[in-house]
């Protein structure tokens, strides 16, 4: 079987923040980095849970040690609505903040990106949903993740909830790339096991979908397969023993690599079919992805047997001597074992979703059909229904 899958006739692109720093205690550098960007008044964008956990204290101290005044916008909620981002941007603009510091999980980092952009652009954030709709760059921004999951600190996108349409919309722009991403495993130590599991599987989904995407590049392949191996090896440890610095380090690194991978290679149908679980049933993004992952993989494998086989190998499965079909199926086995190890069920009825909800699921999933385009196998409405039925058994 092949170990590389580089299409020499395709142009691959790699995008990343201007600077990425990773290491235990790296968050202490936020003051120095902010000063280097010309920051004099920093708005910290985060959520109440991060503040309650005391994760902001050291960041404020670092900023203030460099004579940078600080303010906190801690009104971010999960799957941030457009109104939250617009509110944060208005505060940044009216109160004269000149740099944004995003601290938290994907929702907080996405809100920080949005606040940065909307502090310097007219209108409302939903006006810029789509690809490269933002006319000019936002305030400088430094992003510090507190979970080993979304990789939002290194991507060119942020997701916003359109409450009027009850759907998620995405803002794509190179202006969303952070000036600096700071990855400090100490910020993720306080995550409870369930959040560790959800965010870790979210990173795994990013890596797998980027790896099998029809838009995969040499960059996304290299980054994604490394991320997959790191997650398979370290997520059970981080889940079982949250104080393990080594496991936490490897998980935040894996999430970062996965974020870089899907920025280059894109996502797919797992995200497309998971979104409705968040918008309609208010499930976390990571858990939604986790539930749908093995079901979509089961449908997808024939679209790229060799790459799914390499996923199996990266996750520790023995595939030598197996035919392509059986080797690819091993990737599904590996994912199911990992989900079982971190106590995540892949059966929708266990979350209160019933067979009677199938039309609602299909309708919501089809709203995200844009994510079917890079998927390794085409999907029709009937295919979407079949996948949801698998999750409803």
Protein backbone atom coordinates (compact mmCIF):
# COMPACT_ATOMS: atom_id res chain seq x y z
CA UNK A 1 0.00 0.00 0.00
CA UNK A 2 1.10 3.55 -0.67
CA UNK A 3 2.35 5.76 2.16
CA UNK A 4 1.98 9.01 0.22
CA UNK A 5 -0.81 10.31 -1.96
CA UNK A 6 0.49 13.50 -3.49
CA UNK A 7 -1.23 14.62 -6.68
CA UNK A 8 1.53 16.30 -8.63
CA UNK A 9 -0.88 18.00 -11.02
CA UNK A 10 -2.69 19.87 -8.21
CA UNK A 11 -1.59 23.11 -6.60
CA UNK A 12 -1.44 22.74 -2.83
CA UNK A 13 -1.63 25.72 -0.48
CA UNK A 14 -0.47 26.02 3.12
CA UNK A 15 -1.83 28.75 5.39
CA UNK A 16 -0.98 29.42 9.01
CA UNK A 17 -0.64 32.23 11.56
CA UNK A 18 2.41 34.45 11.29
CA UNK A 19 3.81 32.79 14.41
CA UNK A 20 3.03 29.70 16.49
CA UNK A 21 4.58 29.14 19.91
CA UNK A 22 4.08 25.88 21.80
CA UNK A 23 5.37 24.73 25.17
CA UNK A 24 4.62 24.43 28.84
CA UNK A 25 4.25 27.95 30.21
CA UNK A 26 4.10 29.53 26.74
CA UNK A 27 1.06 31.61 27.77
CA UNK A 28 3.40 33.82 29.81
CA UNK A 29 4.67 35.23 26.51
CA UNK A 30 1.35 36.89 25.62
CA UNK A 31 2.44 40.25 27.03
CA UNK A 32 5.68 40.32 25.06
CA UNK A 33 3.92 39.20 21.89
CA UNK A 34 1.18 41.83 22.33
CA UNK A 35 3.73 44.57 22.82
CA UNK A 36 5.57 43.47 19.67
CA UNK A 37 2.29 43.89 17.77
CA UNK A 38 1.94 47.44 19.06
CA UNK A 39 -0.77 46.63 21.57
CA UNK A 40 -1.49 49.14 24.30
CA UNK A 41 -5.05 48.15 25.26
CA UNK A 42 -6.07 44.50 24.97
CA UNK A 43 -9.58 43.06 24.96
CA UNK A 44 -9.58 39.48 26.21
CA UNK A 45 -12.40 37.56 24.50
CA UNK A 46 -13.44 34.45 26.40
CA UNK A 47 -16.30 32.68 28.16
CA UNK A 48 -17.44 32.58 31.81
CA UNK A 49 -16.09 29.07 32.37
CA UNK A 50 -12.56 30.07 31.41
CA UNK A 51 -12.73 33.06 33.76
CA UNK A 52 -14.10 30.90 36.59
CA UNK A 53 -11.27 28.40 36.09
CA UNK A 54 -8.76 31.19 36.70
CA UNK A 55 -7.11 30.81 33.31
CA UNK A 56 -7.32 34.53 32.57
CA UNK A 57 -5.36 35.65 35.64
CA UNK A 58 -1.90 34.77 34.36
CA UNK A 59 -2.68 36.19 30.94
CA UNK A 60 -3.74 39.50 32.43
CA UNK A 61 -0.59 39.57 34.57
CA UNK A 62 1.58 38.99 31.51
CA UNK A 63 -0.15 41.79 29.61
CA UNK A 64 -0.05 44.23 32.48
CA UNK A 65 3.64 43.49 33.10
CA UNK A 66 4.22 45.01 29.65
CA UNK A 67 2.10 48.09 30.56
CA UNK A 68 -0.79 46.90 28.41
CA UNK A 69 -4.21 47.78 29.80
CA UNK A 70 -6.77 44.98 29.72
CA UNK A 71 -10.51 44.46 29.57
CA UNK A 72 -12.50 41.23 29.51
CA UNK A 73 -15.40 40.34 27.24
CA UNK A 74 -16.63 37.05 28.73
CA UNK A 75 -20.06 36.74 27.14
CA UNK A 76 -19.15 34.07 24.62
CA UNK A 77 -21.44 31.05 24.61
CA UNK A 78 -21.18 27.74 22.79
CA UNK A 79 -21.73 27.89 19.03
CA UNK A 80 -21.56 31.71 19.29
CA UNK A 81 -24.53 33.59 17.85
CA UNK A 82 -23.84 36.50 15.52
CA UNK A 83 -25.11 38.95 18.13
CA UNK A 84 -22.34 37.97 20.57
CA UNK A 85 -19.63 38.62 18.01
CA UNK A 86 -21.19 41.93 16.98
CA UNK A 87 -21.41 42.96 20.64
CA UNK A 88 -17.75 42.15 21.29
CA UNK A 89 -16.71 44.05 18.18
CA UNK A 90 -18.75 47.08 19.20
CA UNK A 91 -17.06 47.17 22.61
CA UNK A 92 -13.62 46.82 21.01
CA UNK A 93 -14.34 49.66 18.61
CA UNK A 94 -16.09 52.09 20.98
CA UNK A 95 -13.68 51.62 23.89
CA UNK A 96 -10.53 51.94 21.82
CA UNK A 97 -9.02 48.48 22.15
CA UNK A 98 -6.15 47.95 19.73
CA UNK A 99 -5.50 44.21 20.09
CA UNK A 100 -7.69 41.15 20.68
CA UNK A 101 -6.62 38.23 22.88
CA UNK A 102 -8.77 35.13 22.39
CA UNK A 103 -8.66 32.59 25.21
CA UNK A 104 -10.75 29.42 25.36
CA UNK A 105 -12.19 26.67 23.23
CA UNK A 106 -13.29 26.98 19.64
CA UNK A 107 -16.26 29.19 20.42
CA UNK A 108 -14.15 31.78 22.22
CA UNK A 109 -11.43 31.74 19.59
CA UNK A 110 -13.98 32.08 16.80
CA UNK A 111 -15.63 34.97 18.65
CA UNK A 112 -12.23 36.62 19.05
CA UNK A 113 -11.61 36.35 15.31
CA UNK A 114 -15.02 37.80 14.61
CA UNK A 115 -14.57 40.66 17.07
CA UNK A 116 -11.20 41.48 15.52
CA UNK A 117 -12.65 41.64 12.02
CA UNK A 118 -15.86 43.48 12.87
CA UNK A 119 -14.05 46.11 14.93
CA UNK A 120 -12.62 47.49 11.69
CA UNK A 121 -15.28 46.59 9.10
CA UNK A 122 -18.76 48.02 8.67
CA UNK A 123 -22.04 46.17 9.11
CA UNK A 124 -22.69 42.94 10.95
CA UNK A 125 -20.77 39.71 10.99
CA UNK A 126 -23.38 37.79 8.99
CA UNK A 127 -22.78 40.23 6.12
CA UNK A 128 -19.42 38.51 5.62
CA UNK A 129 -20.50 34.86 5.71
CA UNK A 130 -18.95 33.10 2.76
CA UNK A 131 -15.57 32.95 1.09
CA UNK A 132 -13.25 36.00 1.15
CA UNK A 133 -16.02 38.53 1.73
CA UNK A 134 -14.10 40.64 4.28
CA UNK A 135 -12.72 43.82 2.68
CA UNK A 136 -9.94 44.63 5.15
CA UNK A 137 -8.00 43.18 8.04
CA UNK A 138 -9.09 43.45 11.64
CA UNK A 139 -7.32 44.32 14.87
CA UNK A 140 -4.16 42.32 15.64
CA UNK A 141 -5.05 39.12 17.46
CA UNK A 142 -3.36 36.51 19.61
CA UNK A 143 -5.19 33.23 20.16
CA UNK A 144 -4.62 30.84 23.08
CA UNK A 145 -6.60 27.56 23.07
CA UNK A 146 -7.63 25.98 26.37
CA UNK A 147 -8.75 22.70 24.78
CA UNK A 148 -7.02 20.13 22.62
CA UNK A 149 -9.71 20.18 20.00
CA UNK A 150 -10.78 22.77 17.47
CA UNK A 151 -7.47 24.06 16.14
CA UNK A 152 -9.25 27.38 15.62
CA UNK A 153 -6.10 29.21 16.67
CA UNK A 154 -4.51 28.36 13.31
CA UNK A 155 -7.40 28.40 10.83
CA UNK A 156 -8.72 31.00 8.39
CA UNK A 157 -12.34 30.41 9.34
CA UNK A 158 -14.78 31.06 12.12
CA UNK A 159 -18.27 29.67 12.56
CA UNK A 160 -21.21 31.80 13.64
CA UNK A 161 -24.79 30.83 14.42
CA UNK A 162 -27.50 32.60 12.46
CA UNK A 163 -30.29 32.50 15.02
CA UNK A 164 -32.93 33.75 12.57
CA UNK A 165 -32.31 30.79 10.24
CA UNK A 166 -31.21 28.41 13.03
CA UNK A 167 -28.13 27.37 11.11
CA UNK A 168 -24.39 27.79 11.24
CA UNK A 169 -22.57 30.01 8.78
CA UNK A 170 -18.87 30.22 8.09
CA UNK A 171 -16.68 33.23 7.43
CA UNK A 172 -13.61 32.33 5.37
CA UNK A 173 -10.77 34.83 5.04
CA UNK A 174 -7.02 35.01 5.38
CA UNK A 175 -7.72 38.01 7.61
CA UNK A 176 -8.92 35.47 10.18
CA UNK A 177 -5.43 34.02 10.60
CA UNK A 178 -3.94 34.90 13.95
CA UNK A 179 -0.92 37.14 14.21
CA UNK A 180 0.29 34.81 16.96
CA UNK A 181 -1.03 31.47 18.21
CA UNK A 182 0.22 30.42 21.64
CA UNK A 183 -0.21 26.75 22.55
CA UNK A 184 0.27 26.03 26.25
CA UNK A 185 -0.76 22.59 27.58
CA UNK A 186 -1.14 24.04 31.08
CA UNK A 187 -4.25 25.88 29.87
CA UNK A 188 -5.94 22.54 29.13
CA UNK A 189 -5.19 20.78 32.42
CA UNK A 190 -8.48 21.81 34.06
CA UNK A 191 -10.65 20.28 31.33
CA UNK A 192 -12.95 17.60 32.78
CA UNK A 193 -12.84 14.13 31.18
CA UNK A 194 -16.01 14.57 29.10
CA UNK A 195 -14.76 17.82 27.57
CA UNK A 196 -11.35 16.24 27.01
CA UNK A 197 -13.04 13.43 25.10
CA UNK A 198 -15.31 15.66 23.02
CA UNK A 199 -12.59 18.10 22.02
CA UNK A 200 -10.06 15.36 21.37
CA UNK A 201 -12.40 13.54 19.00
CA UNK A 202 -13.19 16.87 17.33
CA UNK A 203 -9.49 17.16 16.50
CA UNK A 204 -9.50 13.58 15.21
CA UNK A 205 -12.41 14.38 12.90
CA UNK A 206 -10.54 17.41 11.54
CA UNK A 207 -7.49 15.27 10.82
CA UNK A 208 -9.39 12.36 9.25
CA UNK A 209 -11.57 14.55 7.07
CA UNK A 210 -8.60 16.60 5.87
CA UNK A 211 -6.66 13.42 5.10
CA UNK A 212 -9.36 11.82 2.93
CA UNK A 213 -10.61 15.05 1.37
CA UNK A 214 -10.52 15.30 -2.42
CA UNK A 215 -8.81 18.65 -1.80
CA UNK A 216 -6.01 17.11 0.27
CA UNK A 217 -2.53 18.54 -0.27
CA UNK A 218 0.96 17.28 0.63
CA UNK A 219 0.81 19.64 3.60
CA UNK A 220 -2.55 18.40 4.87
CA UNK A 221 -1.55 14.75 4.39
CA UNK A 222 1.65 15.08 6.44
CA UNK A 223 0.02 17.09 9.21
CA UNK A 224 -3.19 15.05 9.38
CA UNK A 225 -1.66 11.59 9.62
CA UNK A 226 0.69 12.74 12.39
CA UNK A 227 -2.25 14.24 14.26
CA UNK A 228 -4.25 11.01 13.95
CA UNK A 229 -1.44 8.97 15.49
CA UNK A 230 -0.93 11.43 18.35
CA UNK A 231 -4.64 11.44 19.21
CA UNK A 232 -5.01 7.66 19.12
CA UNK A 233 -2.08 7.30 21.51
CA UNK A 234 -2.68 10.24 23.85
CA UNK A 235 -6.42 10.90 24.11
CA UNK A 236 -7.11 7.87 26.34
CA UNK A 237 -4.33 8.99 28.68
CA UNK A 238 -5.51 12.61 28.80
CA UNK A 239 -9.04 11.32 29.47
CA UNK A 240 -7.95 8.91 32.22
CA UNK A 241 -5.31 11.14 33.83
CA UNK A 242 -5.96 14.77 33.06
CA UNK A 243 -2.89 15.94 34.97
CA UNK A 244 -0.54 14.20 32.51
CA UNK A 245 1.42 17.08 31.01
CA UNK A 246 2.84 14.83 28.30
CA UNK A 247 -0.60 13.68 27.15
CA UNK A 248 -1.97 17.23 27.30
CA UNK A 249 1.00 18.54 25.33
CA UNK A 250 0.55 15.90 22.65
CA UNK A 251 -3.18 16.59 22.44
CA UNK A 252 -2.84 20.37 22.00
CA UNK A 253 -0.13 19.70 19.43
CA UNK A 254 -2.38 17.21 17.62
CA UNK A 255 -5.28 19.67 17.59
CA UNK A 256 -2.97 22.34 16.21
CA UNK A 257 -1.69 20.04 13.46
CA UNK A 258 -5.25 19.01 12.59
CA UNK A 259 -6.29 22.67 12.35
CA UNK A 260 -3.42 23.38 9.98
CA UNK A 261 -4.35 20.26 8.00
CA UNK A 262 -7.97 21.15 7.39
CA UNK A 263 -7.06 24.76 6.62
CA UNK A 264 -5.08 23.28 3.75
CA UNK A 265 -7.22 20.27 2.81
CA UNK A 266 -10.76 21.04 3.95
CA UNK A 267 -13.42 19.07 5.84
CA UNK A 268 -16.28 16.82 4.77
CA UNK A 269 -19.56 15.08 5.47
CA UNK A 270 -18.94 14.35 9.15
CA UNK A 271 -19.09 18.07 9.85
CA UNK A 272 -21.98 18.48 7.46
CA UNK A 273 -24.15 15.89 9.19
CA UNK A 274 -23.03 16.87 12.69
CA UNK A 275 -24.06 20.52 12.45
CA UNK A 276 -27.76 19.76 12.81
CA UNK A 277 -27.10 18.00 16.13
CA UNK A 278 -25.75 21.29 17.43
CA UNK A 279 -28.33 23.65 15.99
CA UNK A 280 -31.43 21.50 16.56
CA UNK A 281 -30.47 19.44 19.61
CA UNK A 282 -27.93 21.74 21.28
CA UNK A 283 -25.19 19.15 21.48
CA UNK A 284 -21.56 20.23 21.67
CA UNK A 285 -19.67 20.43 18.38
CA UNK A 286 -17.16 17.80 19.45
CA UNK A 287 -19.77 15.31 20.61
CA UNK A 288 -21.83 15.85 17.45
CA UNK A 289 -18.80 15.09 15.31
CA UNK A 290 -17.90 12.08 17.43
CA UNK A 291 -21.32 10.50 17.00
CA UNK A 292 -21.34 10.87 13.23
CA UNK A 293 -17.68 9.98 12.58
CA UNK A 294 -17.80 6.16 12.38
CA UNK A 295 -21.12 6.16 10.48
CA UNK A 296 -19.80 8.54 7.82
CA UNK A 297 -16.53 6.60 7.65
CA UNK A 298 -18.47 3.39 7.06
CA UNK A 299 -20.16 5.08 4.11
CA UNK A 300 -17.00 6.79 2.83
CA UNK A 301 -14.34 4.07 2.84
CA UNK A 302 -14.82 2.89 -0.75
CA UNK A 303 -14.07 6.44 -1.88
CA UNK A 304 -10.47 6.19 -0.69
CA UNK A 305 -9.61 2.69 0.50
CA UNK A 306 -5.86 3.26 0.70
CA UNK A 307 -6.07 6.38 2.83
CA UNK A 308 -8.52 4.82 5.25
CA UNK A 309 -6.11 1.90 5.53
CA UNK A 310 -3.32 4.32 6.43
CA UNK A 311 -5.59 5.86 9.09
CA UNK A 312 -6.01 2.38 10.57
CA UNK A 313 -2.26 1.90 10.63
CA UNK A 314 -1.68 5.31 12.24
CA UNK A 315 -4.15 4.34 14.96
CA UNK A 316 -2.27 1.16 15.77
CA UNK A 317 -4.19 -1.40 13.73
CA UNK A 318 -2.35 -4.25 12.00
CA UNK A 319 -3.18 -4.13 8.30
CA UNK A 320 -0.27 -6.03 6.77
CA UNK A 321 -1.49 -8.76 4.45
CA UNK A 322 -5.09 -7.51 4.40
CA UNK A 323 -6.91 -6.64 1.22
CA UNK A 324 -7.71 -2.97 0.68
CA UNK A 325 -11.32 -3.33 1.82
CA UNK A 326 -10.52 -5.07 5.10
CA UNK A 327 -7.61 -2.73 5.80
CA UNK A 328 -9.86 0.30 5.30
CA UNK A 329 -12.52 -1.20 7.58
CA UNK A 330 -9.91 -1.42 10.32
CA UNK A 331 -9.97 2.38 10.52
CA UNK A 332 -13.62 2.22 11.58
CA UNK A 333 -12.79 -0.43 14.17
CA UNK A 334 -10.00 1.77 15.54
CA UNK A 335 -12.27 4.81 15.83
CA UNK A 336 -15.00 2.81 17.56
CA UNK A 337 -12.49 1.44 20.08
CA UNK A 338 -11.20 4.94 20.81
CA UNK A 339 -14.74 6.28 21.26
CA UNK A 340 -15.56 3.41 23.60
CA UNK A 341 -12.39 4.09 25.61
CA UNK A 342 -13.48 7.69 26.24
CA UNK A 343 -17.12 6.74 26.92
CA UNK A 344 -18.73 8.29 23.85
CA UNK A 345 -21.78 6.54 22.47
CA UNK A 346 -22.41 6.70 18.72
CA UNK A 347 -26.12 5.88 19.06
CA UNK A 348 -28.41 8.88 18.71
CA UNK A 349 -31.22 7.35 20.81
CA UNK A 350 -28.94 7.56 23.85
CA UNK A 351 -29.04 11.35 23.42
CA UNK A 352 -32.82 11.48 23.20
CA UNK A 353 -33.00 11.56 19.40
CA UNK A 354 -35.57 9.16 18.02
CA UNK A 355 -36.40 7.59 14.66
CA UNK A 356 -39.27 10.05 14.39
CA UNK A 357 -36.63 12.80 14.17
CA UNK A 358 -35.18 11.42 10.95
CA UNK A 359 -36.82 13.97 8.58
CA UNK A 360 -35.56 16.81 10.79
CA UNK A 361 -32.06 15.37 10.76
CA UNK A 362 -32.00 14.93 7.00
CA UNK A 363 -33.32 18.43 6.39
CA UNK A 364 -30.67 19.92 8.68
CA UNK A 365 -27.88 17.82 7.19
CA UNK A 366 -28.77 18.84 3.66
CA UNK A 367 -28.40 22.51 4.62
CA UNK A 368 -24.66 21.81 4.88
CA UNK A 369 -24.34 20.14 1.47
CA UNK A 370 -21.38 22.43 0.67
CA UNK A 371 -19.35 20.08 2.88
CA UNK A 372 -20.25 17.11 0.68
CA UNK A 373 -18.16 18.54 -2.18
CA UNK A 374 -14.69 17.68 -0.75
CA UNK A 375 -16.00 14.43 0.78
CA UNK A 376 -14.36 11.31 -0.74
CA UNK A 377 -17.75 9.91 -1.71
CA UNK A 378 -20.72 11.79 -3.16
CA UNK A 379 -23.92 11.99 -1.12
CA UNK A 380 -27.55 12.27 -2.15
CA UNK A 381 -30.45 12.99 0.15
CA UNK A 382 -31.11 9.23 0.26
CA UNK A 383 -27.50 8.61 1.32
CA UNK A 384 -27.79 11.17 4.10
CA UNK A 385 -30.93 9.44 5.33
CA UNK A 386 -29.14 6.08 5.27
CA UNK A 387 -26.27 7.41 7.41
CA UNK A 388 -28.59 8.91 10.00
CA UNK A 389 -30.51 5.63 10.13
CA UNK A 390 -27.24 3.88 11.03
CA UNK A 391 -26.81 6.28 13.95
CA UNK A 392 -30.42 5.75 15.07
CA UNK A 393 -30.12 1.97 15.50
